[in-house]
Every structure is written in C-alpha cells, then in structure tokens.
C-alpha atoms as a PDB file:
ATOM      1  CA  UNK A   1     108.763 129.222  88.558  1.00  0.00           C
ATOM      2  CA  UNK A   2     108.398 132.970  89.157  1.00  0.00           C
ATOM      3  CA  UNK A   3     106.030 134.351  91.740  1.00  0.00           C
ATOM      4  CA  UNK A   4     103.162 136.521  90.561  1.00  0.00           C
ATOM      5  CA  UNK A   5     104.589 139.473  92.500  1.00  0.00           C
ATOM      6  CA  UNK A   6     107.924 139.066  90.659  1.00  0.00           C
ATOM      7  CA  UNK A   7     106.221 138.980  87.260  1.00  0.00           C
ATOM      8  CA  UNK A   8     104.183 142.076  88.076  1.00  0.00           C
ATOM      9  CA  UNK A   9     107.312 143.881  89.280  1.00  0.00           C
ATOM     10  CA  UNK A  10     109.153 142.987  86.043  1.00  0.00           C
ATOM     11  CA  UNK A  11     106.365 144.703  84.077  1.00  0.00           C
ATOM     12  CA  UNK A  12     106.053 147.631  86.512  1.00  0.00           C
ATOM     13  CA  UNK A  13     102.468 146.655  87.331  1.00  0.00           C
ATOM     14  CA  UNK A  14     101.115 147.538  90.762  1.00  0.00           C
ATOM     15  CA  UNK A  15      97.876 145.820  91.800  1.00  0.00           C
ATOM     16  CA  UNK A  16      97.041 148.784  94.034  1.00  0.00           C
ATOM     17  CA  UNK A  17      97.458 151.277  91.167  1.00  0.00           C
ATOM     18  CA  UNK A  18      95.294 149.085  88.945  1.00  0.00           C
ATOM     19  CA  UNK A  19      92.567 148.962  91.592  1.00  0.00           C
ATOM     20  CA  UNK A  20      92.711 152.751  91.991  1.00  0.00           C
ATOM     21  CA  UNK A  21      92.342 153.179  88.215  1.00  0.00           C
ATOM     22  CA  UNK A  22      89.199 151.030  88.270  1.00  0.00           C
ATOM     23  CA  UNK A  23      87.754 153.148  91.069  1.00  0.00           C
ATOM     24  CA  UNK A  24      88.176 156.466  89.234  1.00  0.00           C
ATOM     25  CA  UNK A  25      85.388 157.801  87.031  1.00  0.00           C
ATOM     26  CA  UNK A  26      85.937 157.754  83.257  1.00  0.00           C
ATOM     27  CA  UNK A  27      85.956 160.829  80.969  1.00  0.00           C
ATOM     28  CA  UNK A  28      82.146 161.005  80.992  1.00  0.00           C
ATOM     29  CA  UNK A  29      82.037 160.929  84.794  1.00  0.00           C
ATOM     30  CA  UNK A  30      80.728 157.370  84.929  1.00  0.00           C
ATOM     31  CA  UNK A  31      82.384 154.255  86.275  1.00  0.00           C
ATOM     32  CA  UNK A  32      83.440 151.166  84.377  1.00  0.00           C
ATOM     33  CA  UNK A  33      82.366 148.942  87.264  1.00  0.00           C
ATOM     34  CA  UNK A  34      78.996 148.578  88.991  1.00  0.00           C
ATOM     35  CA  UNK A  35      78.760 149.999  92.543  1.00  0.00           C
ATOM     36  CA  UNK A  36      78.934 146.571  94.229  1.00  0.00           C
ATOM     37  CA  UNK A  37      82.186 145.724  92.443  1.00  0.00           C
ATOM     38  CA  UNK A  38      83.667 149.116  93.349  1.00  0.00           C
ATOM     39  CA  UNK A  39      82.718 148.497  97.001  1.00  0.00           C
ATOM     40  CA  UNK A  40      84.428 145.094  96.912  1.00  0.00           C
ATOM     41  CA  UNK A  41      87.562 146.685  95.497  1.00  0.00           C
ATOM     42  CA  UNK A  42      87.566 149.347  98.222  1.00  0.00           C
ATOM     43  CA  UNK A  43      87.335 146.599 100.849  1.00  0.00           C
ATOM     44  CA  UNK A  44      90.215 144.726  99.249  1.00  0.00           C
ATOM     45  CA  UNK A  45      92.279 147.893  99.109  1.00  0.00           C
ATOM     46  CA  UNK A  46      91.533 148.647 102.757  1.00  0.00           C
ATOM     47  CA  UNK A  47      92.919 145.239 103.746  1.00  0.00           C
ATOM     48  CA  UNK A  48      96.330 146.480 102.582  1.00  0.00           C
ATOM     49  CA  UNK A  49      96.038 149.608 104.734  1.00  0.00           C
ATOM     50  CA  UNK A  50      95.045 148.201 108.103  1.00  0.00           C
ATOM     51  CA  UNK A  51      96.034 145.039 109.903  1.00  0.00           C
ATOM     52  CA  UNK A  52      93.192 142.739 110.850  1.00  0.00           C
ATOM     53  CA  UNK A  53      92.673 142.516 114.604  1.00  0.00           C
ATOM     54  CA  UNK A  54      94.011 139.401 116.262  1.00  0.00           C
ATOM     55  CA  UNK A  55      91.744 137.162 118.268  1.00  0.00           C
ATOM     56  CA  UNK A  56      92.155 137.833 121.962  1.00  0.00           C
ATOM     57  CA  UNK A  57      90.769 136.193 125.048  1.00  0.00           C
ATOM     58  CA  UNK A  58      88.072 138.405 126.535  1.00  0.00           C
ATOM     59  CA  UNK A  59      88.401 138.940 130.264  1.00  0.00           C
ATOM     60  CA  UNK A  60      86.321 141.379 132.254  1.00  0.00           C
ATOM     61  CA  UNK A  61      87.701 143.575 135.064  1.00  0.00           C
ATOM     62  CA  UNK A  62      87.527 140.647 137.489  1.00  0.00           C
ATOM     63  CA  UNK A  63      89.559 138.396 135.171  1.00  0.00           C
ATOM     64  CA  UNK A  64      86.535 136.259 134.222  1.00  0.00           C
ATOM     65  CA  UNK A  65      86.528 134.751 130.744  1.00  0.00           C
ATOM     66  CA  UNK A  66      83.360 136.035 129.057  1.00  0.00           C
ATOM     67  CA  UNK A  67      83.250 133.073 126.661  1.00  0.00           C
ATOM     68  CA  UNK A  68      82.411 130.714 129.510  1.00  0.00           C
ATOM     69  CA  UNK A  69      78.939 132.284 129.614  1.00  0.00           C
ATOM     70  CA  UNK A  70      78.094 131.473 125.983  1.00  0.00           C
ATOM     71  CA  UNK A  71      76.579 128.109 126.855  1.00  0.00           C
ATOM     72  CA  UNK A  72      74.670 129.166 129.958  1.00  0.00           C
ATOM     73  CA  UNK A  73      70.993 128.223 130.016  1.00  0.00           C
ATOM     74  CA  UNK A  74      68.206 130.774 130.394  1.00  0.00           C
ATOM     75  CA  UNK A  75      67.286 129.287 133.771  1.00  0.00           C
ATOM     76  CA  UNK A  76      70.848 129.628 135.077  1.00  0.00           C
ATOM     77  CA  UNK A  77      71.022 133.155 133.695  1.00  0.00           C
ATOM     78  CA  UNK A  78      67.864 134.129 135.574  1.00  0.00           C
ATOM     79  CA  UNK A  79      69.502 132.935 138.795  1.00  0.00           C
ATOM     80  CA  UNK A  80      72.451 135.278 138.197  1.00  0.00           C
ATOM     81  CA  UNK A  81      70.356 138.397 137.602  1.00  0.00           C
ATOM     82  CA  UNK A  82      69.601 140.290 140.824  1.00  0.00           C
ATOM     83  CA  UNK A  83      65.931 140.950 141.507  1.00  0.00           C
END
C-alpha cells in the first residue's frame, strides 16, 4: 500500500502549494474560504516552518524546580512571602 506522500509526489501535488493557493485572493479580490478557515490553514502551514518547543524542566537560578510549587496551599504561600 502506497503512502499518501508517495501518491501526492507521483501526481506532483504539494500540500503546501495547495494551502497557499487557498490563501490567495481570487480574481475579484475575494477569498474562497471564510476568515476562520484561512486562519486555521495559516496555523497548519506555520507548523511546517517552526519546530514546536520541547517540554523542559523549569529550574530557577537556585536550581529549584518551579513545578513543586503548583500544589502549595494559600496558607503555606503566605508564610513564604516576606512581610
């Protein structure tokens, strides 16, 4: 069974080029897609341009894991804040 990418390549079809065609205005200056659909396409296209950031452990300058403070109670937090 052929992969979709192989079938598209056989027919010289580029998904990126097709998306760009949908984002261009037509001869009358209008668009064939509503604004929300064009925005979704732009977001999809952007995902091909930039890598998504990887999840990293957040440590402050003292090497303390910031996530450990997510479950701290309001009372305990008040004790940590200088008066």
